[in-house]
């Protein structure tokens, strides 16, 4: 079970890298847009996050449900904003930077709480 947990951790980090990497890639673009890597990243994080909670609980370790709940809400907010704007040719700057800010916030919650 420990190996499975490590694989899920790795996939969760890859989802984060895809989400943040897509955001950073678009920083230099004249018109900001939601790239598929960002959508795939948020989906990967959502699925692997759920799986990680179940694996941690199955291992008998303590799950911080408040932390998981807050991270889920932030991730769902990122998903909702991105899904609403996914087909637009250009996303306004406030929406685009909201996605980046929420991504960094979610990571900060994971590491500092």
Protein backbone atom coordinates (compact mmCIF):
# COMPACT_ATOMS: atom_id res chain seq x y z
CA UNK A 1 0.00 0.00 0.00
CA UNK A 2 2.94 2.32 0.69
CA UNK A 3 4.14 2.02 -2.91
CA UNK A 4 0.66 2.85 -4.21
CA UNK A 5 0.61 5.92 -1.95
CA UNK A 6 3.96 7.06 -3.37
CA UNK A 7 2.70 6.60 -6.93
CA UNK A 8 -0.41 8.65 -6.14
CA UNK A 9 1.77 11.34 -4.55
CA UNK A 10 3.86 11.48 -7.71
CA UNK A 11 0.79 11.71 -9.95
CA UNK A 12 -0.64 14.44 -7.71
CA UNK A 13 2.58 16.43 -8.10
CA UNK A 14 2.51 15.90 -11.86
CA UNK A 15 -1.03 17.32 -11.90
CA UNK A 16 0.21 20.36 -9.98
CA UNK A 17 3.12 20.76 -12.38
CA UNK A 18 0.75 20.61 -15.34
CA UNK A 19 -1.61 23.17 -13.86
CA UNK A 20 1.09 25.61 -12.76
CA UNK A 21 3.22 24.97 -15.84
CA UNK A 22 0.33 25.81 -18.16
CA UNK A 23 -0.30 28.97 -16.17
CA UNK A 24 3.35 30.02 -16.27
CA UNK A 25 3.55 29.28 -19.98
CA UNK A 26 0.67 31.65 -20.64
CA UNK A 27 2.22 34.49 -18.59
CA UNK A 28 4.31 35.59 -21.55
CA UNK A 29 1.45 35.30 -24.07
CA UNK A 30 -0.18 38.47 -25.32
CA UNK A 31 -3.67 37.05 -24.83
CA UNK A 32 -4.04 34.67 -21.90
CA UNK A 33 -6.06 31.50 -22.38
CA UNK A 34 -6.80 28.24 -20.64
CA UNK A 35 -4.59 25.57 -22.19
CA UNK A 36 -5.47 21.85 -22.05
CA UNK A 37 -2.51 21.15 -19.74
CA UNK A 38 -4.17 23.29 -17.08
CA UNK A 39 -7.47 21.41 -17.34
CA UNK A 40 -5.72 18.04 -17.30
CA UNK A 41 -3.66 19.13 -14.31
CA UNK A 42 -6.67 20.14 -12.24
CA UNK A 43 -8.45 16.89 -13.16
CA UNK A 44 -5.41 14.84 -12.22
CA UNK A 45 -5.11 16.62 -8.90
CA UNK A 46 -8.78 16.07 -8.14
CA UNK A 47 -8.71 12.34 -8.88
CA UNK A 48 -5.39 11.62 -7.20
CA UNK A 49 -6.35 13.77 -4.20
CA UNK A 50 -9.45 11.67 -3.59
CA UNK A 51 -7.46 8.48 -4.03
CA UNK A 52 -4.76 9.71 -1.63
CA UNK A 53 -7.33 10.41 1.09
CA UNK A 54 -8.73 6.90 0.74
CA UNK A 55 -5.29 5.27 0.73
CA UNK A 56 -4.11 7.26 3.76
CA UNK A 57 -7.27 6.33 5.65
CA UNK A 58 -6.94 2.68 4.60
CA UNK A 59 -3.37 2.64 5.92
CA UNK A 60 -4.71 3.69 9.30
CA UNK A 61 -3.02 7.09 9.22
CA UNK A 62 -4.84 10.19 10.41
CA UNK A 63 -6.51 12.29 7.72
CA UNK A 64 -6.81 16.03 8.36
CA UNK A 65 -10.35 16.39 7.04
CA UNK A 66 -10.44 20.17 7.48
CA UNK A 67 -7.32 20.57 5.36
CA UNK A 68 -8.60 18.17 2.72
CA UNK A 69 -11.94 19.97 2.64
CA UNK A 70 -10.38 23.40 2.17
CA UNK A 71 -8.05 22.08 -0.52
CA UNK A 72 -11.01 20.46 -2.28
CA UNK A 73 -12.98 23.73 -2.23
CA UNK A 74 -10.03 25.66 -3.64
CA UNK A 75 -9.48 23.04 -6.34
CA UNK A 76 -13.16 23.07 -7.26
CA UNK A 77 -13.02 26.88 -7.51
CA UNK A 78 -10.02 26.59 -9.86
CA UNK A 79 -11.86 23.99 -11.92
CA UNK A 80 -15.05 26.08 -12.11
CA UNK A 81 -13.23 29.22 -13.22
CA UNK A 82 -11.20 27.31 -15.80
CA UNK A 83 -14.13 25.27 -17.09
CA UNK A 84 -16.20 28.42 -17.58
CA UNK A 85 -13.38 30.06 -19.55
CA UNK A 86 -11.94 27.05 -21.36
CA UNK A 87 -13.28 27.84 -24.86
CA UNK A 88 -12.59 31.56 -24.87
CA UNK A 89 -9.93 32.90 -27.20
CA UNK A 90 -8.67 35.17 -24.44
CA UNK A 91 -9.32 35.20 -20.71
CA UNK A 92 -9.35 38.52 -18.87
CA UNK A 93 -6.35 39.18 -16.65
CA UNK A 94 -8.26 39.02 -13.35
CA UNK A 95 -9.63 35.56 -14.12
CA UNK A 96 -6.26 34.33 -15.32
CA UNK A 97 -4.38 35.58 -12.24
CA UNK A 98 -7.13 34.23 -9.99
CA UNK A 99 -6.37 30.76 -11.34
CA UNK A 100 -2.65 31.19 -10.62
CA UNK A 101 -3.28 32.64 -7.17
CA UNK A 102 -5.64 29.85 -6.19
CA UNK A 103 -3.13 27.28 -7.44
CA UNK A 104 -0.39 28.75 -5.26
CA UNK A 105 -2.83 29.03 -2.33
CA UNK A 106 -3.72 25.34 -2.65
CA UNK A 107 -0.06 24.41 -2.62
CA UNK A 108 0.59 26.64 0.40
CA UNK A 109 -2.27 24.94 2.27
CA UNK A 110 -0.76 21.56 1.44
CA UNK A 111 2.71 22.45 2.66
CA UNK A 112 2.14 24.84 5.57
CA UNK A 113 -0.95 23.45 7.29
